[in-house]
Amino acid sequence: MDAIRRALLSGELVPGQRVKEAPLADALGVSRPTIREAIHQLIHEGSLVQEPYKGIRVAKPSPQDLLGVAEVRVALETLAALNLAKNPHG
């Protein structure tokens, strides 16, 4: 599952792209049941979506999802900058 997450985060798998079980299992060198379990977990988490008659695709983030990520990044990056300002050598 971590390998699939890395592919999602790196842009190797892009929103809307179809995810096929067999080629993914071959590429990662794992069994199809293992990939199937990982895919179902990622569907449950919202990273992948299963569409009737179309298969499984990478989820497209909504504007609200992107706003949530931006808000968290601003908070974390502000905290990191403040900590660096207090101790530039640490």
PDB file of N, CA and C in Angstrom:
ATOM      1  N   MET A   1       0.831  -1.185   0.000  1.00  0.00           N
ATOM      2  CA  MET A   1       0.000   0.000   0.000  1.00  0.00           C
ATOM      3  C   MET A   1       0.874   1.247   0.000  1.00  0.00           C
ATOM      4  N   ASP A   2       2.006   1.194   0.689  1.00  0.00           N
ATOM      5  CA  ASP A   2       2.898   2.351   0.729  1.00  0.00           C
ATOM      6  C   ASP A   2       3.428   2.693  -0.655  1.00  0.00           C
ATOM      7  N   ALA A   3       3.710   1.683  -1.457  1.00  0.00           N
ATOM      8  CA  ALA A   3       4.208   1.921  -2.810  1.00  0.00           C
ATOM      9  C   ALA A   3       3.150   2.627  -3.652  1.00  0.00           C
ATOM     10  N   ILE A   4       1.898   2.259  -3.477  1.00  0.00           N
ATOM     11  CA  ILE A   4       0.813   2.909  -4.226  1.00  0.00           C
ATOM     12  C   ILE A   4       0.651   4.345  -3.737  1.00  0.00           C
ATOM     13  N   ARG A   5       0.726   4.545  -2.439  1.00  0.00           N
ATOM     14  CA  ARG A   5       0.639   5.911  -1.892  1.00  0.00           C
ATOM     15  C   ARG A   5       1.754   6.793  -2.447  1.00  0.00           C
ATOM     16  N   ARG A   6       2.985   6.238  -2.495  1.00  0.00           N
ATOM     17  CA  ARG A   6       4.114   7.005  -3.042  1.00  0.00           C
ATOM     18  C   ARG A   6       3.847   7.369  -4.496  1.00  0.00           C
ATOM     19  N   ALA A   7       3.294   6.434  -5.262  1.00  0.00           N
ATOM     20  CA  ALA A   7       2.976   6.707  -6.661  1.00  0.00           C
ATOM     21  C   ALA A   7       1.917   7.802  -6.777  1.00  0.00           C
ATOM     22  N   LEU A   8       0.968   7.815  -5.858  1.00  0.00           N
ATOM     23  CA  LEU A   8      -0.058   8.862  -5.858  1.00  0.00           C
ATOM     24  C   LEU A   8       0.557  10.220  -5.519  1.00  0.00           C
ATOM     25  N   LEU A   9       1.399  10.247  -4.501  1.00  0.00           N
ATOM     26  CA  LEU A   9       2.003  11.506  -4.048  1.00  0.00           C
ATOM     27  C   LEU A   9       3.031  12.045  -5.027  1.00  0.00           C
ATOM     28  N   SER A  10       3.725  11.162  -5.719  1.00  0.00           N
ATOM     29  CA  SER A  10       4.766  11.602  -6.654  1.00  0.00           C
ATOM     30  C   SER A  10       4.196  12.028  -8.003  1.00  0.00           C
ATOM     31  N   GLY A  11       2.936  11.701  -8.238  1.00  0.00           N
ATOM     32  CA  GLY A  11       2.329  12.042  -9.520  1.00  0.00           C
ATOM     33  C   GLY A  11       2.476  10.946 -10.564  1.00  0.00           C
ATOM     34  N   GLU A  12       3.055   9.823 -10.163  1.00  0.00           N
ATOM     35  CA  GLU A  12       3.166   8.686 -11.076  1.00  0.00           C
ATOM     36  C   GLU A  12       1.769   8.168 -11.441  1.00  0.00           C
ATOM     37  N   LEU A  13       0.875   8.195 -10.460  1.00  0.00           N
ATOM     38  CA  LEU A  13      -0.552   7.922 -10.691  1.00  0.00           C
ATOM     39  C   LEU A  13      -1.274   9.256 -10.554  1.00  0.00           C
ATOM     40  N   VAL A  14      -1.962   9.660 -11.597  1.00  0.00           N
ATOM     41  CA  VAL A  14      -2.584  10.989 -11.625  1.00  0.00           C
ATOM     42  C   VAL A  14      -4.100  10.888 -11.475  1.00  0.00           C
ATOM     43  N   PRO A  15      -4.742  11.954 -10.982  1.00  0.00           N
ATOM     44  CA  PRO A  15      -6.197  11.932 -10.830  1.00  0.00           C
ATOM     45  C   PRO A  15      -6.904  11.550 -12.126  1.00  0.00           C
ATOM     46  N   GLY A  16      -7.838  10.630 -11.986  1.00  0.00           N
ATOM     47  CA  GLY A  16      -8.609  10.159 -13.128  1.00  0.00           C
ATOM     48  C   GLY A  16      -8.011   8.940 -13.816  1.00  0.00           C
ATOM     49  N   GLN A  17      -6.749   8.637 -13.537  1.00  0.00           N
ATOM     50  CA  GLN A  17      -6.085   7.499 -14.166  1.00  0.00           C
ATOM     51  C   GLN A  17      -6.679   6.196 -13.673  1.00  0.00           C
ATOM     52  N   ARG A  18      -6.869   5.273 -14.584  1.00  0.00           N
ATOM     53  CA  ARG A  18      -7.400   3.962 -14.224  1.00  0.00           C
ATOM     54  C   ARG A  18      -6.301   3.136 -13.555  1.00  0.00           C
ATOM     55  N   VAL A  19      -6.672   2.414 -12.514  1.00  0.00           N
ATOM     56  CA  VAL A  19      -5.752   1.552 -11.777  1.00  0.00           C
ATOM     57  C   VAL A  19      -6.192   0.111 -12.011  1.00  0.00           C
ATOM     58  N   LYS A  20      -5.312  -0.676 -12.631  1.00  0.00           N
ATOM     59  CA  LYS A  20      -5.629  -2.074 -12.915  1.00  0.00           C
ATOM     60  C   LYS A  20      -4.822  -2.961 -11.983  1.00  0.00           C
ATOM     61  N   GLU A  21      -5.522  -3.901 -11.411  1.00  0.00           N
ATOM     62  CA  GLU A  21      -4.957  -4.786 -10.389  1.00  0.00           C
ATOM     63  C   GLU A  21      -3.752  -5.593 -10.885  1.00  0.00           C
ATOM     64  N   ALA A  22      -3.898  -6.305 -11.995  1.00  0.00           N
ATOM     65  CA  ALA A  22      -2.840  -7.206 -12.465  1.00  0.00           C
ATOM     66  C   ALA A  22      -1.548  -6.470 -12.824  1.00  0.00           C
ATOM     67  N   PRO A  23      -1.595  -5.418 -13.652  1.00  0.00           N
ATOM     68  CA  PRO A  23      -0.342  -4.725 -13.974  1.00  0.00           C
ATOM     69  C   PRO A  23       0.320  -4.101 -12.746  1.00  0.00           C
ATOM     70  N   LEU A  24      -0.488  -3.624 -11.826  1.00  0.00           N
ATOM     71  CA  LEU A  24       0.052  -3.023 -10.610  1.00  0.00           C
ATOM     72  C   LEU A  24       0.745  -4.077  -9.755  1.00  0.00           C
ATOM     73  N   ALA A  25       0.141  -5.261  -9.643  1.00  0.00           N
ATOM     74  CA  ALA A  25       0.750  -6.356  -8.879  1.00  0.00           C
ATOM     75  C   ALA A  25       2.080  -6.773  -9.515  1.00  0.00           C
ATOM     76  N   ASP A  26       2.099  -6.863 -10.842  1.00  0.00           N
ATOM     77  CA  ASP A  26       3.334  -7.228 -11.540  1.00  0.00           C
ATOM     78  C   ASP A  26       4.410  -6.167 -11.340  1.00  0.00           C
ATOM     79  N   ALA A  27       4.042  -4.901 -11.455  1.00  0.00           N
ATOM     80  CA  ALA A  27       5.006  -3.804 -11.321  1.00  0.00           C
ATOM     81  C   ALA A  27       5.613  -3.751  -9.925  1.00  0.00           C
ATOM     82  N   LEU A  28       4.811  -4.077  -8.929  1.00  0.00           N
ATOM     83  CA  LEU A  28       5.291  -3.999  -7.547  1.00  0.00           C
ATOM     84  C   LEU A  28       5.842  -5.331  -7.035  1.00  0.00           C
ATOM     85  N   GLY A  29       5.658  -6.382  -7.808  1.00  0.00           N
ATOM     86  CA  GLY A  29       6.175  -7.690  -7.410  1.00  0.00           C
ATOM     87  C   GLY A  29       5.458  -8.299  -6.221  1.00  0.00           C
ATOM     88  N   VAL A  30       4.151  -8.064  -6.146  1.00  0.00           N
ATOM     89  CA  VAL A  30       3.351  -8.633  -5.062  1.00  0.00           C
ATOM     90  C   VAL A  30       2.168  -9.381  -5.656  1.00  0.00           C
ATOM     91  N   SER A  31       1.495 -10.163  -4.828  1.00  0.00           N
ATOM     92  CA  SER A  31       0.370 -10.959  -5.308  1.00  0.00           C
ATOM     93  C   SER A  31      -0.862 -10.084  -5.556  1.00  0.00           C
ATOM     94  N   ARG A  32      -1.738 -10.574  -6.383  1.00  0.00           N
ATOM     95  CA  ARG A  32      -2.974  -9.837  -6.672  1.00  0.00           C
ATOM     96  C   ARG A  32      -3.854  -9.675  -5.442  1.00  0.00           C
ATOM     97  N   PRO A  33      -3.974 -10.697  -4.567  1.00  0.00           N
ATOM     98  CA  PRO A  33      -4.765 -10.475  -3.349  1.00  0.00           C
ATOM     99  C   PRO A  33      -4.197  -9.344  -2.475  1.00  0.00           C
ATOM    100  N   THR A  34      -2.874  -9.225  -2.436  1.00  0.00           N
ATOM    101  CA  THR A  34      -2.256  -8.141  -1.660  1.00  0.00           C
ATOM    102  C   THR A  34      -2.615  -6.790  -2.262  1.00  0.00           C
ATOM    103  N   ILE A  35      -2.526  -6.691  -3.591  1.00  0.00           N
ATOM    104  CA  ILE A  35      -2.884  -5.443  -4.279  1.00  0.00           C
ATOM    105  C   ILE A  35      -4.363  -5.152  -4.091  1.00  0.00           C
ATOM    106  N   ARG A  36      -5.184  -6.184  -4.186  1.00  0.00           N
ATOM    107  CA  ARG A  36      -6.639  -6.001  -4.034  1.00  0.00           C
ATOM    108  C   ARG A  36      -6.955  -5.425  -2.659  1.00  0.00           C
ATOM    109  N   GLU A  37      -6.308  -5.958  -1.633  1.00  0.00           N
ATOM    110  CA  GLU A  37      -6.523  -5.457  -0.271  1.00  0.00           C
ATOM    111  C   GLU A  37      -6.072  -3.991  -0.148  1.00  0.00           C
ATOM    112  N   ALA A  38      -4.918  -3.676  -0.713  1.00  0.00           N
ATOM    113  CA  ALA A  38      -4.414  -2.299  -0.664  1.00  0.00           C
ATOM    114  C   ALA A  38      -5.347  -1.350  -1.408  1.00  0.00           C
ATOM    115  N   ILE A  39      -5.825  -1.777  -2.567  1.00  0.00           N
ATOM    116  CA  ILE A  39      -6.748  -0.945  -3.351  1.00  0.00           C
ATOM    117  C   ILE A  39      -8.028  -0.683  -2.570  1.00  0.00           C
ATOM    118  N   HIS A  40      -8.572  -1.699  -1.939  1.00  0.00           N
ATOM    119  CA  HIS A  40      -9.809  -1.513  -1.169  1.00  0.00           C
ATOM    120  C   HIS A  40      -9.586  -0.571   0.016  1.00  0.00           C
ATOM    121  N   GLN A  41      -8.423  -0.655   0.641  1.00  0.00           N
ATOM    122  CA  GLN A  41      -8.110   0.261   1.739  1.00  0.00           C
ATOM    123  C   GLN A  41      -8.010   1.697   1.217  1.00  0.00           C
ATOM    124  N   LEU A  42      -7.375   1.887   0.070  1.00  0.00           N
ATOM    125  CA  LEU A  42      -7.234   3.235  -0.505  1.00  0.00           C
ATOM    126  C   LEU A  42      -8.577   3.773  -0.999  1.00  0.00           C
ATOM    127  N   ILE A  43      -9.459   2.889  -1.435  1.00  0.00           N
ATOM    128  CA  ILE A  43     -10.829   3.315  -1.785  1.00  0.00           C
ATOM    129  C   ILE A  43     -11.526   3.810  -0.522  1.00  0.00           C
ATOM    130  N   HIS A  44     -11.393   3.045   0.551  1.00  0.00           N
ATOM    131  CA  HIS A  44     -12.005   3.421   1.831  1.00  0.00           C
ATOM    132  C   HIS A  44     -11.473   4.770   2.314  1.00  0.00           C
ATOM    133  N   GLU A  45     -10.186   5.034   2.105  1.00  0.00           N
ATOM    134  CA  GLU A  45      -9.566   6.292   2.534  1.00  0.00           C
ATOM    135  C   GLU A  45      -9.880   7.450   1.600  1.00  0.00           C
ATOM    136  N   GLY A  46     -10.372   7.146   0.396  1.00  0.00           N
ATOM    137  CA  GLY A  46     -10.730   8.206  -0.541  1.00  0.00           C
ATOM    138  C   GLY A  46      -9.657   8.548  -1.566  1.00  0.00           C
ATOM    139  N   SER A  47      -8.544   7.820  -1.570  1.00  0.00           N
ATOM    140  CA  SER A  47      -7.486   8.082  -2.538  1.00  0.00           C
ATOM    141  C   SER A  47      -7.814   7.501  -3.911  1.00  0.00           C
ATOM    142  N   LEU A  48      -8.586   6.431  -3.904  1.00  0.00           N
ATOM    143  CA  LEU A  48      -9.053   5.799  -5.137  1.00  0.00           C
ATOM    144  C   LEU A  48     -10.571   5.749  -5.101  1.00  0.00           C
ATOM    145  N   VAL A  49     -11.186   5.691  -6.269  1.00  0.00           N
ATOM    146  CA  VAL A  49     -12.640   5.563  -6.354  1.00  0.00           C
ATOM    147  C   VAL A  49     -12.979   4.405  -7.278  1.00  0.00           C
ATOM    148  N   GLN A  50     -14.031   3.687  -6.916  1.00  0.00           N
ATOM    149  CA  GLN A  50     -14.509   2.593  -7.757  1.00  0.00           C
ATOM    150  C   GLN A  50     -15.781   3.061  -8.433  1.00  0.00           C
ATOM    151  N   GLU A  51     -15.751   3.040  -9.775  1.00  0.00           N
ATOM    152  CA  GLU A  51     -16.891   3.503 -10.553  1.00  0.00           C
ATOM    153  C   GLU A  51     -17.534   2.309 -11.256  1.00  0.00           C
ATOM    154  N   PRO A  52     -18.848   2.145 -11.108  1.00  0.00           N
ATOM    155  CA  PRO A  52     -19.514   1.016 -11.775  1.00  0.00           C
ATOM    156  C   PRO A  52     -19.248   1.015 -13.280  1.00  0.00           C
ATOM    157  N   TYR A  53     -18.904  -0.136 -13.808  1.00  0.00           N
ATOM    158  CA  TYR A  53     -18.640  -0.366 -15.229  1.00  0.00           C
ATOM    159  C   TYR A  53     -17.407   0.367 -15.760  1.00  0.00           C
ATOM    160  N   LYS A  54     -16.677   1.059 -14.904  1.00  0.00           N
ATOM    161  CA  LYS A  54     -15.481   1.784 -15.346  1.00  0.00           C
ATOM    162  C   LYS A  54     -14.233   1.338 -14.608  1.00  0.00           C
ATOM    163  N   GLY A  55     -14.376   0.621 -13.524  1.00  0.00           N
ATOM    164  CA  GLY A  55     -13.227   0.145 -12.772  1.00  0.00           C
ATOM    165  C   GLY A  55     -12.803   1.105 -11.680  1.00  0.00           C
ATOM    166  N   ILE A  56     -11.536   1.035 -11.340  1.00  0.00           N
ATOM    167  CA  ILE A  56     -10.992   1.832 -10.237  1.00  0.00           C
ATOM    168  C   ILE A  56     -10.110   2.926 -10.815  1.00  0.00           C
ATOM    169  N   ARG A  57     -10.278   4.125 -10.301  1.00  0.00           N
ATOM    170  CA  ARG A  57      -9.515   5.279 -10.770  1.00  0.00           C
ATOM    171  C   ARG A  57      -8.942   6.041  -9.586  1.00  0.00           C
ATOM    172  N   VAL A  58      -7.907   6.813  -9.877  1.00  0.00           N
ATOM    173  CA  VAL A  58      -7.338   7.702  -8.869  1.00  0.00           C
ATOM    174  C   VAL A  58      -8.346   8.823  -8.632  1.00  0.00           C
ATOM    175  N   ALA A  59      -8.633   9.103  -7.378  1.00  0.00           N
ATOM    176  CA  ALA A  59      -9.618  10.135  -7.030  1.00  0.00           C
ATOM    177  C   ALA A  59      -9.123  11.514  -7.447  1.00  0.00           C
ATOM    178  N   LYS A  60     -10.073  12.351  -7.829  1.00  0.00           N
ATOM    179  CA  LYS A  60      -9.770  13.744  -8.146  1.00  0.00           C
ATOM    180  C   LYS A  60     -10.094  14.564  -6.901  1.00  0.00           C
ATOM    181  N   PRO A  61      -9.109  15.266  -6.352  1.00  0.00           N
ATOM    182  CA  PRO A  61      -9.391  16.037  -5.133  1.00  0.00           C
ATOM    183  C   PRO A  61     -10.354  17.182  -5.423  1.00  0.00           C
ATOM    184  N   SER A  62     -11.255  17.399  -4.483  1.00  0.00           N
ATOM    185  CA  SER A  62     -12.208  18.500  -4.627  1.00  0.00           C
ATOM    186  C   SER A  62     -11.537  19.801  -4.194  1.00  0.00           C
ATOM    187  N   PRO A  63     -12.121  20.939  -4.549  1.00  0.00           N
ATOM    188  CA  PRO A  63     -11.565  22.212  -4.078  1.00  0.00           C
ATOM    189  C   PRO A  63     -11.486  22.267  -2.548  1.00  0.00           C
ATOM    190  N   GLN A  64     -12.445  21.656  -1.851  1.00  0.00           N
ATOM    191  CA  GLN A  64     -12.418  21.639  -0.391  1.00  0.00           C
ATOM    192  C   GLN A  64     -11.234  20.823   0.117  1.00  0.00           C
ATOM    193  N   ASP A  65     -10.938  19.704  -0.554  1.00  0.00           N
ATOM    194  CA  ASP A  65      -9.777  18.890  -0.177  1.00  0.00           C
ATOM    195  C   ASP A  65      -8.492  19.694  -0.319  1.00  0.00           C
ATOM    196  N   LEU A  66      -8.357  20.391  -1.442  1.00  0.00           N
ATOM    197  CA  LEU A  66      -7.153  21.185  -1.688  1.00  0.00           C
ATOM    198  C   LEU A  66      -7.023  22.324  -0.693  1.00  0.00           C
ATOM    199  N   LEU A  67      -8.142  22.940  -0.345  1.00  0.00           N
ATOM    200  CA  LEU A  67      -8.119  24.013   0.648  1.00  0.00           C
ATOM    201  C   LEU A  67      -7.685  23.470   1.999  1.00  0.00           C
ATOM    202  N   GLY A  68      -8.179  22.305   2.376  1.00  0.00           N
ATOM    203  CA  GLY A  68      -7.786  21.689   3.641  1.00  0.00           C
ATOM    204  C   GLY A  68      -6.291  21.404   3.689  1.00  0.00           C
ATOM    205  N   VAL A  69      -5.740  20.884   2.601  1.00  0.00           N
ATOM    206  CA  VAL A  69      -4.306  20.610   2.535  1.00  0.00           C
ATOM    207  C   VAL A  69      -3.520  21.911   2.645  1.00  0.00           C
ATOM    208  N   ALA A  70      -3.979  22.945   1.946  1.00  0.00           N
ATOM    209  CA  ALA A  70      -3.284  24.237   1.991  1.00  0.00           C
ATOM    210  C   ALA A  70      -3.300  24.818   3.405  1.00  0.00           C
ATOM    211  N   GLU A  71      -4.419  24.711   4.088  1.00  0.00           N
ATOM    212  CA  GLU A  71      -4.510  25.249   5.452  1.00  0.00           C
ATOM    213  C   GLU A  71      -3.544  24.529   6.393  1.00  0.00           C
ATOM    214  N   VAL A  72      -3.448  23.215   6.269  1.00  0.00           N
ATOM    215  CA  VAL A  72      -2.535  22.451   7.114  1.00  0.00           C
ATOM    216  C   VAL A  72      -1.084  22.805   6.788  1.00  0.00           C
ATOM    217  N   ARG A  73      -0.777  22.934   5.510  1.00  0.00           N
ATOM    218  CA  ARG A  73       0.599  23.282   5.116  1.00  0.00           C
ATOM    219  C   ARG A  73       0.988  24.656   5.630  1.00  0.00           C
ATOM    220  N   VAL A  74       0.091  25.619   5.541  1.00  0.00           N
ATOM    221  CA  VAL A  74       0.394  26.965   6.036  1.00  0.00           C
ATOM    222  C   VAL A  74       0.704  26.907   7.525  1.00  0.00           C
ATOM    223  N   ALA A  75      -0.106  26.192   8.268  1.00  0.00           N
ATOM    224  CA  ALA A  75       0.115  26.099   9.713  1.00  0.00           C
ATOM    225  C   ALA A  75       1.453  25.420  10.023  1.00  0.00           C
ATOM    226  N   LEU A  76       1.749  24.318   9.367  1.00  0.00           N
ATOM    227  CA  LEU A  76       2.995  23.598   9.618  1.00  0.00           C
ATOM    228  C   LEU A  76       4.218  24.392   9.165  1.00  0.00           C
ATOM    229  N   GLU A  77       4.131  25.011   8.009  1.00  0.00           N
ATOM    230  CA  GLU A  77       5.274  25.759   7.504  1.00  0.00           C
ATOM    231  C   GLU A  77       5.522  27.021   8.330  1.00  0.00           C
ATOM    232  N   THR A  78       4.468  27.633   8.853  1.00  0.00           N
ATOM    233  CA  THR A  78       4.628  28.780   9.737  1.00  0.00           C
ATOM    234  C   THR A  78       5.323  28.363  11.024  1.00  0.00           C
ATOM    235  N   LEU A  79       4.898  27.253  11.585  1.00  0.00           N
ATOM    236  CA  LEU A  79       5.521  26.736  12.801  1.00  0.00           C
ATOM    237  C   LEU A  79       6.995  26.408  12.558  1.00  0.00           C
ATOM    238  N   ALA A  80       7.294  25.793  11.433  1.00  0.00           N
ATOM    239  CA  ALA A  80       8.682  25.463  11.102  1.00  0.00           C
ATOM    240  C   ALA A  80       9.526  26.725  10.950  1.00  0.00           C
ATOM    241  N   ALA A  81       8.984  27.741  10.299  1.00  0.00           N
ATOM    242  CA  ALA A  81       9.725  28.999  10.122  1.00  0.00           C
ATOM    243  C   ALA A  81       9.973  29.688  11.460  1.00  0.00           C
ATOM    244  N   LEU A  82       8.992  29.678  12.342  1.00  0.00           N
ATOM    245  CA  LEU A  82       9.157  30.299  13.657  1.00  0.00           C
ATOM    246  C   LEU A  82      10.227  29.554  14.466  1.00  0.00           C
ATOM    247  N   ASN A  83      10.208  28.233  14.412  1.00  0.00           N
ATOM    248  CA  ASN A  83      11.210  27.444  15.127  1.00  0.00           C
ATOM    249  C   ASN A  83      12.612  27.685  14.565  1.00  0.00           C
ATOM    250  N   LEU A  84      12.721  27.816  13.271  1.00  0.00           N
ATOM    251  CA  LEU A  84      14.010  28.080  12.650  1.00  0.00           C
ATOM    252  C   LEU A  84      14.510  29.473  13.008  1.00  0.00           C
ATOM    253  N   ALA A  85      13.604  30.430  13.099  1.00  0.00           N
ATOM    254  CA  ALA A  85      13.990  31.804  13.483  1.00  0.00           C
ATOM    255  C   ALA A  85      14.504  31.845  14.906  1.00  0.00           C
ATOM    256  N   LYS A  86      13.934  31.045  15.781  1.00  0.00           N
ATOM    257  CA  LYS A  86      14.358  31.014  17.179  1.00  0.00           C
ATOM    258  C   LYS A  86      15.720  30.335  17.332  1.00  0.00           C
ATOM    259  N   ASN A  87      15.969  29.329  16.511  1.00  0.00           N
ATOM    260  CA  ASN A  87      17.208  28.576  16.639  1.00  0.00           C
ATOM    261  C   ASN A  87      17.725  28.231  15.230  1.00  0.00           C
ATOM    262  N   PRO A  88      18.415  29.177  14.563  1.00  0.00           N
ATOM    263  CA  PRO A  88      18.834  28.968  13.186  1.00  0.00           C
ATOM    264  C   PRO A  88      19.866  27.858  13.009  1.00  0.00           C
ATOM    265  N   HIS A  89      20.519  27.430  14.059  1.00  0.00           N
ATOM    266  CA  HIS A  89      21.537  26.382  13.935  1.00  0.00           C
ATOM    267  C   HIS A  89      21.014  25.008  14.362  1.00  0.00           C
ATOM    268  N   GLY A  90      19.787  24.949  14.822  1.00  0.00           N
ATOM    269  CA  GLY A  90      19.268  23.676  15.306  1.00  0.00           C
ATOM    270  C   GLY A  90      18.305  23.096  14.379  1.00  0.00           C
TER     271      GLY A  90
END
